[in-house]
Amino acid sequence: MFASLSLIFRILLAWAAAIVVAGFVWSGFFHGMDEGPGWVFGLLALFVMVTALGSCIAHIRRVQHAAGRLDAATLSSRQRRQIEVPMDAGPAFALVEAAIAELPRVEDIESAPGSLQVRAYVRRVDPYNGRPPSRWNLPARLAIKRNSVLATVTPGQGTSSVTLLFEPDAGVWADLLAVDEGSNHENAEAVGRAITRRVAEQRRDEQAAAEQTATEKELSVAKLNLLHAQVEPHFLYNTLANAQVLTRTDPPRADQMLGHLIQYLRSSLPSVDESMSTLGVELERTQAYLEILKIRMGARLALQVDVPPALTSLPLPSMALQTLVENAIKHGLEPKPGGGTVWIIARAFEDHVTLTVADDGLGFGQGTSGTGIGLKNLRERLRLTCGERAGVAIVSNFPSGVAATITLPRDAREAIHAA
C-alpha cells in the first residue's frame, strides 16, 4: 500500500509542478489568470490531474494482476533481471536473442555478437484494448510510445550471466510524469520465461541424445556379444569334430588333441565375455590353436611369426587373429596335398597398424569356399570396437595363396575406451 501511495503522490506532485510552470507561462500570455480564458486553463489542469491519477490507478491494478504483489520493484517502469544460463557465451547469446525476438510487437532488433549485446524496442499498446494509447491519455501519449530491451551476456566458465534491462524509450522525465501500466514488467517476465523454456528444451534434447547414445552402445555391445558367441562355437565345433574322427583312427593323437583343447580353453574361457584383447594374448591363443591342428596335419603345417614386441599391446578384437588363421588353413592349406606355411606379420605405420595372415595354399578359386560368416563377423566387430577406419582386406598372395590384412588406426586404443 505504501509503495502504491508513494507512486501516486510522486506522479501527481510532478504533474502539479508542471501545471504550476504552465500556469506561469499562461499568465505571461494572457497577463494573469483573471484576464483571458483562465477557466480554460483550470479545466485543462483538472483534466490532466484526473488523467494522471487514472493512469496511476490503472498501472497499479495492472501490476498487481501481473506480479501478484505491489512493491517498489514491481511498480517501477524500469525492470532489471539477472539470469544464469548453463551454457557458453555464444549459445547463450543466440538463445537470448531468439527469446527477445519472440516478444509481441518487437521491432528494430540490434544485435552485436562481438560485444554480446542485444537491443530491441517493443511498441506499447493499451493493455485493455490492444491499441496505441488514446490521444486523450495525455501522460501516456507524452511519455511512452514504446519500451526498450537491452540484454548483455557475461561469459563465465561453462555458464553465462544474462543481464536484462527493460525501460521506457523516453527521457528520465518519464519516470516523473508517466507510468507504463506494467508493460515492462510483462516484457521482463515474458523474456525470462522464454529463456527458461529454451534452456529446458536444450537440456531435454541433450538428455535425449545421451539416452540415444547409451541405447546405441547397449545395442552395439549386445550385437558384439552375439557375434563373439558365433565365433567361439565355430572353433569348438571344428576341433571336437576332428577329435571325434581321431578317436576312431588314432586314439593316442585324439587324447593329445583333447589335452591341447583343454589347455586352449583354460586360457581362453576367462576372456570369452570380453570383446577386446591384445595382439600378444591373441598370438598366444592362436599358437595353442595351431598346436591342436598340427596333431592332425603334422609336417604339412608350418608357422612363421614376425610381430615386433612393441605391438603386442595393440588392442585387437578377441579371436580376430585366430579367425584369419583358421580361414587360411581350412580354405588354403588343408586342401593342398603338401600343406604349406602360415605367416603372421605385424607392421606399424604413421597413422595405422596392419596385421597380416598370409598362406601359400591353393588360393582363390582352387581351395574350398566357405559361407564367409567368420570374415563378416570380424568386419562387424572391428567396426563396432575400433571405428569405421578399421577393416579387413583380402588379396591373392604371390606366388600362391591368400593374404588377409587387418588395418587398425593408431588411435584405436582411444576409440575403444570411448566406446
Protein backbone atom coordinates (compact mmCIF):
# COMPACT_ATOMS: atom_id res chain seq x y z
CA MET A 1 0.00 0.00 0.00
CA PHE A 2 2.79 2.41 0.88
CA ALA A 3 4.51 1.78 -2.46
CA SER A 4 1.26 2.46 -4.33
CA LEU A 5 0.54 5.68 -2.43
CA SER A 6 4.12 6.79 -2.91
CA LEU A 7 3.83 6.25 -6.66
CA ILE A 8 0.55 8.19 -6.88
CA PHE A 9 1.92 11.04 -4.77
CA ARG A 10 5.10 11.26 -6.85
CA ILE A 11 3.28 11.31 -10.19
CA LEU A 12 0.62 13.82 -9.06
CA LEU A 13 3.25 16.05 -7.47
CA ALA A 14 5.28 16.05 -10.69
CA TRP A 15 2.22 16.95 -12.76
CA ALA A 16 1.22 19.62 -10.25
CA ALA A 17 4.66 21.17 -10.60
CA ALA A 18 4.33 21.01 -14.38
CA ILE A 19 0.90 22.69 -14.17
CA VAL A 20 2.33 25.47 -12.00
CA VAL A 21 5.04 26.11 -14.56
CA ALA A 22 2.43 26.04 -17.32
CA GLY A 23 0.34 28.49 -15.28
CA PHE A 24 3.17 31.00 -15.21
CA VAL A 25 3.54 30.64 -18.96
CA TRP A 26 -0.23 31.04 -19.41
CA SER A 27 -0.20 34.17 -17.26
CA GLY A 28 2.58 35.59 -19.39
CA PHE A 29 0.47 35.22 -22.50
CA PHE A 30 -2.79 36.49 -21.03
CA HIS A 31 -1.42 38.91 -18.40
CA GLY A 32 -2.73 36.93 -15.44
CA MET A 33 -5.38 34.36 -14.84
CA ASP A 34 -8.12 36.94 -14.38
CA GLU A 35 -7.61 38.32 -17.84
CA GLY A 36 -8.32 35.92 -20.66
CA PRO A 37 -9.79 32.42 -20.50
CA GLY A 38 -8.41 31.43 -17.10
CA TRP A 39 -11.21 28.94 -16.62
CA VAL A 40 -9.96 27.05 -19.68
CA PHE A 41 -6.58 26.58 -18.05
CA GLY A 42 -8.28 25.39 -14.88
CA LEU A 43 -10.26 22.78 -16.77
CA LEU A 44 -7.14 21.60 -18.60
CA ALA A 45 -5.25 21.35 -15.32
CA LEU A 46 -8.07 19.37 -13.72
CA PHE A 47 -8.26 17.06 -16.75
CA VAL A 48 -4.52 16.41 -16.63
CA MET A 49 -4.56 15.63 -12.91
CA VAL A 50 -7.53 13.28 -13.25
CA THR A 51 -5.90 11.55 -16.23
CA ALA A 52 -2.62 11.18 -14.33
CA LEU A 53 -4.47 9.73 -11.34
CA GLY A 54 -6.32 7.32 -13.62
CA SER A 55 -3.06 6.21 -15.24
CA CYS A 56 -1.53 5.56 -11.81
CA ILE A 57 -4.52 3.50 -10.68
CA ALA A 58 -4.53 1.52 -13.96
CA HIS A 59 -0.79 0.92 -13.59
CA ILE A 60 -1.16 -0.30 -10.01
CA ARG A 61 -4.03 -2.64 -10.83
CA ARG A 62 -2.25 -3.98 -13.90
CA VAL A 63 0.96 -4.69 -11.97
CA GLN A 64 -0.97 -6.32 -9.13
CA HIS A 65 -2.65 -8.72 -11.55
CA ALA A 66 0.59 -9.48 -13.40
CA ALA A 67 3.03 -9.74 -10.48
CA GLY A 68 0.69 -10.75 -7.68
CA ARG A 69 2.25 -8.20 -5.36
CA LEU A 70 2.87 -4.47 -5.11
CA ASP A 71 6.23 -3.07 -4.12
CA ALA A 72 8.74 -0.55 -5.41
CA ALA A 73 10.39 -3.15 -7.68
CA THR A 74 7.23 -4.33 -9.42
CA LEU A 75 5.69 -0.84 -9.70
CA SER A 76 8.79 0.63 -11.31
CA SER A 77 8.66 1.36 -15.03
CA ARG A 78 12.27 0.17 -15.28
CA GLN A 79 12.81 -3.55 -14.74
CA ARG A 80 16.05 -5.49 -14.36
CA ARG A 81 16.58 -9.24 -14.48
CA GLN A 82 19.70 -11.34 -13.87
CA ILE A 83 19.56 -14.90 -15.23
CA GLU A 84 22.27 -17.58 -15.09
CA VAL A 85 22.34 -19.75 -18.20
CA PRO A 86 24.22 -23.10 -18.06
CA MET A 87 26.00 -22.74 -21.40
CA ASP A 88 28.87 -20.89 -23.03
CA ALA A 89 28.56 -17.27 -24.13
CA GLY A 90 27.97 -17.99 -27.83
CA PRO A 91 24.99 -20.34 -27.41
CA ALA A 92 23.67 -18.20 -24.54
CA PHE A 93 23.74 -15.10 -26.76
CA ALA A 94 21.86 -16.89 -29.54
CA LEU A 95 19.31 -18.13 -27.00
CA VAL A 96 18.72 -14.65 -25.54
CA GLU A 97 18.45 -13.09 -28.99
CA ALA A 98 15.82 -15.64 -30.01
CA ALA A 99 13.90 -15.12 -26.75
CA ILE A 100 13.74 -11.34 -27.29
CA ALA A 101 12.66 -11.80 -30.91
CA GLU A 102 9.61 -13.73 -29.64
CA LEU A 103 8.21 -10.68 -27.81
CA PRO A 104 4.94 -9.38 -29.31
CA ARG A 105 5.32 -6.15 -31.30
CA VAL A 106 9.11 -6.25 -31.09
CA GLU A 107 10.93 -4.15 -33.68
CA ASP A 108 14.32 -2.68 -34.53
CA ILE A 109 16.38 -5.54 -33.08
CA GLU A 110 20.05 -4.53 -32.95
CA SER A 111 22.38 -7.47 -32.39
CA ALA A 112 26.09 -7.19 -31.58
CA PRO A 113 27.57 -10.71 -31.21
CA GLY A 114 31.06 -9.31 -30.70
CA SER A 115 30.08 -7.38 -27.58
CA LEU A 116 27.40 -9.94 -26.61
CA GLN A 117 24.63 -7.34 -26.52
CA VAL A 118 21.14 -7.21 -27.99
CA ARG A 119 18.93 -4.12 -28.04
CA ALA A 120 15.34 -4.11 -29.22
CA TYR A 121 12.24 -1.96 -29.00
CA VAL A 122 8.69 -3.05 -28.21
CA ARG A 123 5.74 -0.93 -29.31
CA ARG A 124 3.46 -0.01 -26.44
CA VAL A 125 -0.29 -0.53 -26.75
CA ASP A 126 -3.24 -0.05 -24.48
CA PRO A 127 -3.21 -3.22 -22.35
CA TYR A 128 -7.01 -3.28 -22.30
CA ASN A 129 -7.88 -2.97 -25.99
CA GLY A 130 -4.59 -3.78 -27.72
CA ARG A 131 -4.41 -0.39 -29.49
CA PRO A 132 -1.99 2.51 -29.11
CA PRO A 133 -2.78 4.84 -26.17
CA SER A 134 -5.75 7.10 -26.70
CA ARG A 135 -4.95 10.60 -27.87
CA TRP A 136 -6.80 11.86 -24.79
CA ASN A 137 -4.45 9.92 -22.50
CA LEU A 138 -2.03 12.82 -22.26
CA PRO A 139 0.53 11.26 -19.86
CA ALA A 140 0.82 8.10 -21.95
CA ARG A 141 0.94 10.00 -25.23
CA LEU A 142 3.67 12.29 -23.94
CA ALA A 143 5.84 9.81 -22.09
CA ILE A 144 5.90 6.31 -23.52
CA LYS A 145 5.25 5.17 -27.07
CA ARG A 146 7.48 2.11 -26.91
CA ASN A 147 9.76 0.30 -24.50
CA SER A 148 13.38 -0.72 -24.95
CA VAL A 149 15.07 -4.01 -24.09
CA LEU A 150 18.82 -4.31 -23.53
CA ALA A 151 20.38 -7.74 -22.96
CA THR A 152 24.04 -8.27 -22.07
CA VAL A 153 25.69 -11.69 -21.83
CA THR A 154 28.66 -12.03 -19.48
CA PRO A 155 30.69 -15.20 -20.16
CA GLY A 156 31.86 -17.48 -17.37
CA GLN A 157 33.36 -20.95 -17.04
CA GLY A 158 30.78 -23.16 -18.69
CA THR A 159 27.98 -20.75 -17.73
CA SER A 160 26.88 -17.27 -18.74
CA SER A 161 25.20 -14.47 -16.84
CA VAL A 162 22.45 -12.61 -18.72
CA THR A 163 21.52 -9.09 -17.62
CA LEU A 164 18.20 -7.79 -18.96
CA LEU A 165 17.08 -4.14 -18.73
CA PHE A 166 13.52 -3.13 -19.66
CA GLU A 167 12.90 0.63 -19.79
CA PRO A 168 10.62 3.21 -21.39
CA ASP A 169 12.03 4.57 -24.64
CA ALA A 170 11.92 8.10 -23.27
CA GLY A 171 13.94 10.53 -21.21
CA VAL A 172 14.43 10.46 -17.47
CA TRP A 173 11.48 12.82 -17.05
CA ALA A 174 9.21 9.89 -17.99
CA ASP A 175 9.85 8.43 -14.53
CA LEU A 176 8.29 11.56 -13.00
CA LEU A 177 5.32 12.15 -15.27
CA ALA A 178 4.16 8.76 -16.57
CA VAL A 179 3.83 5.05 -15.89
CA ASP A 180 3.99 2.12 -18.29
CA GLU A 181 0.93 0.25 -16.96
CA GLY A 182 3.09 -2.80 -16.24
CA SER A 183 4.27 -3.29 -19.82
CA ASN A 184 7.97 -3.51 -18.93
CA HIS A 185 7.23 -5.93 -16.10
CA GLU A 186 5.30 -8.11 -18.55
CA ASN A 187 8.14 -7.93 -21.07
CA ALA A 188 10.67 -8.91 -18.40
CA GLU A 189 8.59 -11.89 -17.31
CA ALA A 190 8.00 -12.96 -20.92
CA VAL A 191 11.69 -12.92 -21.83
CA GLY A 192 12.57 -14.73 -18.59
CA ARG A 193 10.02 -17.45 -19.37
CA ALA A 194 11.30 -17.76 -22.94
CA ILE A 195 14.90 -18.19 -21.76
CA THR A 196 13.88 -20.75 -19.14
CA ARG A 197 11.84 -22.67 -21.71
CA ARG A 198 14.67 -22.73 -24.23
CA VAL A 199 17.20 -23.88 -21.61
CA ALA A 200 14.81 -26.64 -20.55
CA GLU A 201 14.33 -27.69 -24.19
CA GLN A 202 18.08 -27.83 -24.72
CA ARG A 203 18.53 -29.94 -21.59
CA ARG A 204 15.80 -32.30 -22.77
CA ASP A 205 17.49 -32.57 -26.17
CA GLU A 206 20.86 -33.26 -24.53
CA GLN A 207 19.29 -35.85 -22.25
CA ALA A 208 17.52 -37.49 -25.18
CA ALA A 209 20.79 -37.53 -27.15
CA ALA A 210 22.62 -39.07 -24.18
CA GLU A 211 19.91 -41.70 -23.79
CA GLN A 212 20.05 -42.41 -27.52
CA THR A 213 23.83 -42.79 -27.34
CA ALA A 214 23.54 -45.11 -24.35
CA THR A 215 20.93 -47.17 -26.17
CA GLU A 216 23.11 -47.41 -29.26
CA LYS A 217 26.06 -48.51 -27.12
CA GLU A 218 23.93 -51.17 -25.45
CA LEU A 219 22.77 -52.41 -28.84
CA SER A 220 26.35 -52.44 -30.10
CA VAL A 221 27.52 -54.42 -27.07
CA ALA A 222 24.66 -56.88 -27.46
CA LYS A 223 25.40 -57.28 -31.15
CA LEU A 224 29.11 -57.66 -30.41
CA ASN A 225 28.44 -60.34 -27.82
CA LEU A 226 26.27 -62.19 -30.31
CA LEU A 227 28.97 -62.07 -32.97
CA HIS A 228 31.57 -63.20 -30.46
CA ALA A 229 29.34 -66.07 -29.39
CA GLN A 230 29.11 -67.12 -33.03
CA VAL A 231 32.92 -67.26 -33.32
CA GLU A 232 33.64 -69.39 -30.25
CA PRO A 233 31.31 -72.32 -31.10
CA HIS A 234 32.62 -72.24 -34.67
CA PHE A 235 36.13 -73.17 -33.50
CA LEU A 236 34.93 -75.62 -30.85
CA TYR A 237 32.77 -77.43 -33.36
CA ASN A 238 35.67 -77.94 -35.78
CA THR A 239 38.04 -79.11 -33.04
CA LEU A 240 35.61 -81.57 -31.49
CA ALA A 241 34.70 -82.91 -34.92
CA ASN A 242 38.39 -83.59 -35.63
CA ALA A 243 38.84 -85.23 -32.22
CA GLN A 244 35.84 -87.42 -32.88
CA VAL A 245 37.42 -88.68 -36.09
CA LEU A 246 40.75 -89.34 -34.37
CA THR A 247 39.12 -91.38 -31.60
CA ARG A 248 38.33 -93.97 -34.26
CA THR A 249 41.53 -93.76 -36.29
CA ASP A 250 44.26 -92.73 -33.82
CA PRO A 251 43.15 -92.68 -30.16
CA PRO A 252 46.54 -91.50 -28.76
CA ARG A 253 46.52 -88.49 -31.04
CA ALA A 254 42.90 -87.84 -30.15
CA ASP A 255 43.87 -87.86 -26.49
CA GLN A 256 46.71 -85.45 -27.23
CA MET A 257 44.37 -83.17 -29.18
CA LEU A 258 41.85 -83.11 -26.34
CA GLY A 259 44.66 -82.27 -23.93
CA HIS A 260 45.66 -79.28 -26.08
CA LEU A 261 41.99 -78.32 -26.33
CA ILE A 262 41.68 -78.30 -22.55
CA GLN A 263 44.79 -76.14 -22.33
CA TYR A 264 43.38 -73.82 -25.00
CA LEU A 265 40.04 -73.49 -23.25
CA ARG A 266 41.72 -72.87 -19.92
CA SER A 267 43.47 -69.83 -21.39
CA SER A 268 40.52 -68.71 -23.49
CA LEU A 269 37.42 -69.06 -21.35
CA PRO A 270 38.28 -66.29 -18.85
CA SER A 271 38.14 -63.82 -21.74
CA VAL A 272 35.20 -65.22 -23.67
CA ASP A 273 32.93 -62.50 -22.30
CA GLU A 274 35.44 -59.79 -23.18
CA SER A 275 35.11 -58.32 -26.65
CA MET A 276 38.65 -56.90 -26.72
CA SER A 277 42.03 -58.49 -26.23
CA THR A 278 45.60 -57.63 -27.29
CA LEU A 279 47.76 -58.86 -30.12
CA GLY A 280 50.09 -60.61 -27.66
CA VAL A 281 47.27 -62.54 -25.99
CA GLU A 282 45.69 -63.41 -29.34
CA LEU A 283 49.05 -64.61 -30.66
CA GLU A 284 49.46 -66.98 -27.69
CA ARG A 285 45.93 -68.26 -28.17
CA THR A 286 46.48 -68.79 -31.89
CA GLN A 287 49.67 -70.74 -31.26
CA ALA A 288 47.74 -73.00 -28.88
CA TYR A 289 45.14 -73.39 -31.60
CA LEU A 290 47.83 -74.34 -34.12
CA GLU A 291 49.22 -76.97 -31.77
CA ILE A 292 45.84 -78.67 -31.97
CA LEU A 293 45.88 -78.54 -35.76
CA LYS A 294 49.45 -79.81 -36.01
CA ILE A 295 48.34 -83.06 -34.44
CA ARG A 296 46.13 -83.64 -37.44
CA MET A 297 48.25 -82.03 -40.19
CA GLY A 298 51.72 -82.87 -38.90
CA ALA A 299 54.56 -81.62 -41.11
CA ARG A 300 52.06 -80.21 -43.59
CA LEU A 301 51.63 -77.17 -41.34
CA ALA A 302 54.38 -74.61 -40.66
CA LEU A 303 54.18 -71.24 -38.91
CA GLN A 304 56.30 -68.10 -39.15
CA VAL A 305 55.64 -65.15 -36.84
CA ASP A 306 57.05 -61.64 -37.33
CA VAL A 307 55.48 -59.41 -34.68
CA PRO A 308 57.56 -56.62 -33.08
CA PRO A 309 57.37 -56.74 -29.26
CA ALA A 310 56.20 -53.11 -29.23
CA LEU A 311 52.97 -54.15 -30.96
CA THR A 312 51.98 -56.95 -28.59
CA SER A 313 49.91 -54.49 -26.54
CA LEU A 314 47.90 -53.42 -29.60
CA PRO A 315 44.13 -53.71 -28.88
CA LEU A 316 42.52 -56.37 -31.02
CA PRO A 317 39.07 -57.97 -31.02
CA SER A 318 39.09 -61.34 -29.33
CA MET A 319 39.51 -64.27 -31.76
CA ALA A 320 40.29 -61.89 -34.67
CA LEU A 321 43.72 -63.36 -35.39
CA GLN A 322 42.52 -66.93 -35.00
CA THR A 323 39.68 -66.30 -37.45
CA LEU A 324 42.15 -65.36 -40.19
CA VAL A 325 44.49 -68.25 -39.36
CA GLU A 326 41.59 -70.68 -39.32
CA ASN A 327 40.44 -69.50 -42.75
CA ALA A 328 43.98 -69.77 -44.14
CA ILE A 329 44.26 -73.38 -43.02
CA LYS A 330 40.73 -74.50 -43.81
CA HIS A 331 40.46 -72.97 -47.28
CA GLY A 332 44.11 -72.80 -48.34
CA LEU A 333 46.49 -75.27 -46.67
CA GLU A 334 44.28 -78.16 -45.62
CA PRO A 335 43.00 -78.93 -49.15
CA LYS A 336 46.56 -78.67 -50.53
CA PRO A 337 48.24 -82.10 -50.62
CA GLY A 338 51.61 -80.84 -49.44
CA GLY A 339 50.24 -78.35 -46.94
CA GLY A 340 52.14 -75.12 -46.51
CA THR A 341 53.10 -72.21 -44.28
CA VAL A 342 51.14 -69.57 -42.41
CA TRP A 343 52.80 -66.18 -41.89
CA ILE A 344 51.68 -63.77 -39.16
CA ILE A 345 53.19 -60.32 -39.74
CA ALA A 346 52.51 -57.05 -37.90
CA ARG A 347 53.72 -53.64 -39.05
CA ALA A 348 53.32 -50.13 -37.61
CA PHE A 349 52.92 -47.06 -39.80
CA GLU A 350 52.42 -43.37 -39.07
CA ASP A 351 48.65 -43.43 -38.64
CA HIS A 352 47.74 -47.13 -38.67
CA VAL A 353 48.89 -50.65 -37.86
CA THR A 354 48.50 -53.70 -40.10
CA LEU A 355 48.25 -57.34 -39.08
CA THR A 356 48.61 -59.77 -41.99
CA VAL A 357 47.92 -63.50 -42.08
CA ALA A 358 49.24 -64.98 -45.32
CA ASP A 359 49.47 -68.52 -46.62
CA ASP A 360 50.86 -70.30 -49.67
CA GLY A 361 47.87 -72.56 -50.07
CA LEU A 362 45.61 -73.10 -53.05
CA GLY A 363 44.39 -69.51 -53.23
CA PHE A 364 41.24 -68.09 -54.76
CA GLY A 365 39.19 -70.37 -56.97
CA GLN A 366 41.13 -73.51 -56.05
CA GLY A 367 40.55 -74.06 -52.35
CA THR A 368 37.29 -74.73 -50.59
CA SER A 369 34.79 -71.91 -50.33
CA GLY A 370 33.06 -71.14 -47.05
CA THR A 371 29.99 -69.18 -46.05
CA GLY A 372 32.02 -66.07 -45.20
CA ILE A 373 30.31 -65.68 -41.83
CA GLY A 374 33.64 -65.58 -39.99
CA LEU A 375 35.02 -62.67 -42.03
CA LYS A 376 31.66 -60.91 -41.96
CA ASN A 377 31.55 -61.13 -38.19
CA LEU A 378 35.15 -59.96 -37.94
CA ARG A 379 34.49 -56.88 -40.08
CA GLU A 380 31.46 -56.01 -37.96
CA ARG A 381 33.35 -56.47 -34.71
CA LEU A 382 36.21 -54.29 -35.95
CA ARG A 383 33.75 -51.56 -36.90
CA LEU A 384 32.00 -51.68 -33.54
CA THR A 385 35.15 -51.75 -31.42
CA CYS A 386 37.78 -49.85 -33.40
CA GLY A 387 35.77 -47.42 -35.52
CA GLU A 388 34.91 -47.02 -39.18
CA ARG A 389 38.56 -46.80 -40.28
CA ALA A 390 39.27 -50.36 -39.14
CA GLY A 391 38.71 -53.15 -41.63
CA VAL A 392 39.88 -56.34 -43.33
CA ALA A 393 41.27 -56.63 -46.86
CA ILE A 394 41.86 -59.95 -48.64
CA VAL A 395 44.13 -60.25 -51.69
CA SER A 396 45.96 -63.00 -53.56
CA ASN A 397 49.39 -63.92 -52.23
CA PHE A 398 52.38 -64.43 -54.52
CA PRO A 399 53.10 -66.96 -55.91
CA SER A 400 50.12 -68.75 -54.37
CA GLY A 401 47.72 -68.50 -51.51
CA VAL A 402 45.85 -65.63 -49.89
CA ALA A 403 46.86 -62.69 -47.69
CA ALA A 404 44.30 -61.21 -45.27
CA THR A 405 45.22 -57.90 -43.63
CA ILE A 406 43.56 -56.21 -40.67
CA THR A 407 44.05 -52.44 -40.62
CA LEU A 408 43.70 -50.63 -37.30
CA PRO A 409 44.05 -46.87 -36.70
CA ARG A 410 46.86 -45.87 -34.37
CA ASP A 411 44.28 -44.22 -32.11
CA ALA A 412 42.32 -47.47 -31.79
CA ARG A 413 43.01 -47.54 -28.06
CA GLU A 414 41.27 -44.17 -27.56
CA ALA A 415 38.37 -45.22 -29.79
CA ILE A 416 37.93 -48.41 -27.78
CA HIS A 417 37.91 -46.55 -24.46
CA ALA A 418 35.40 -44.04 -25.87
CA ALA A 419 33.12 -46.87 -26.98
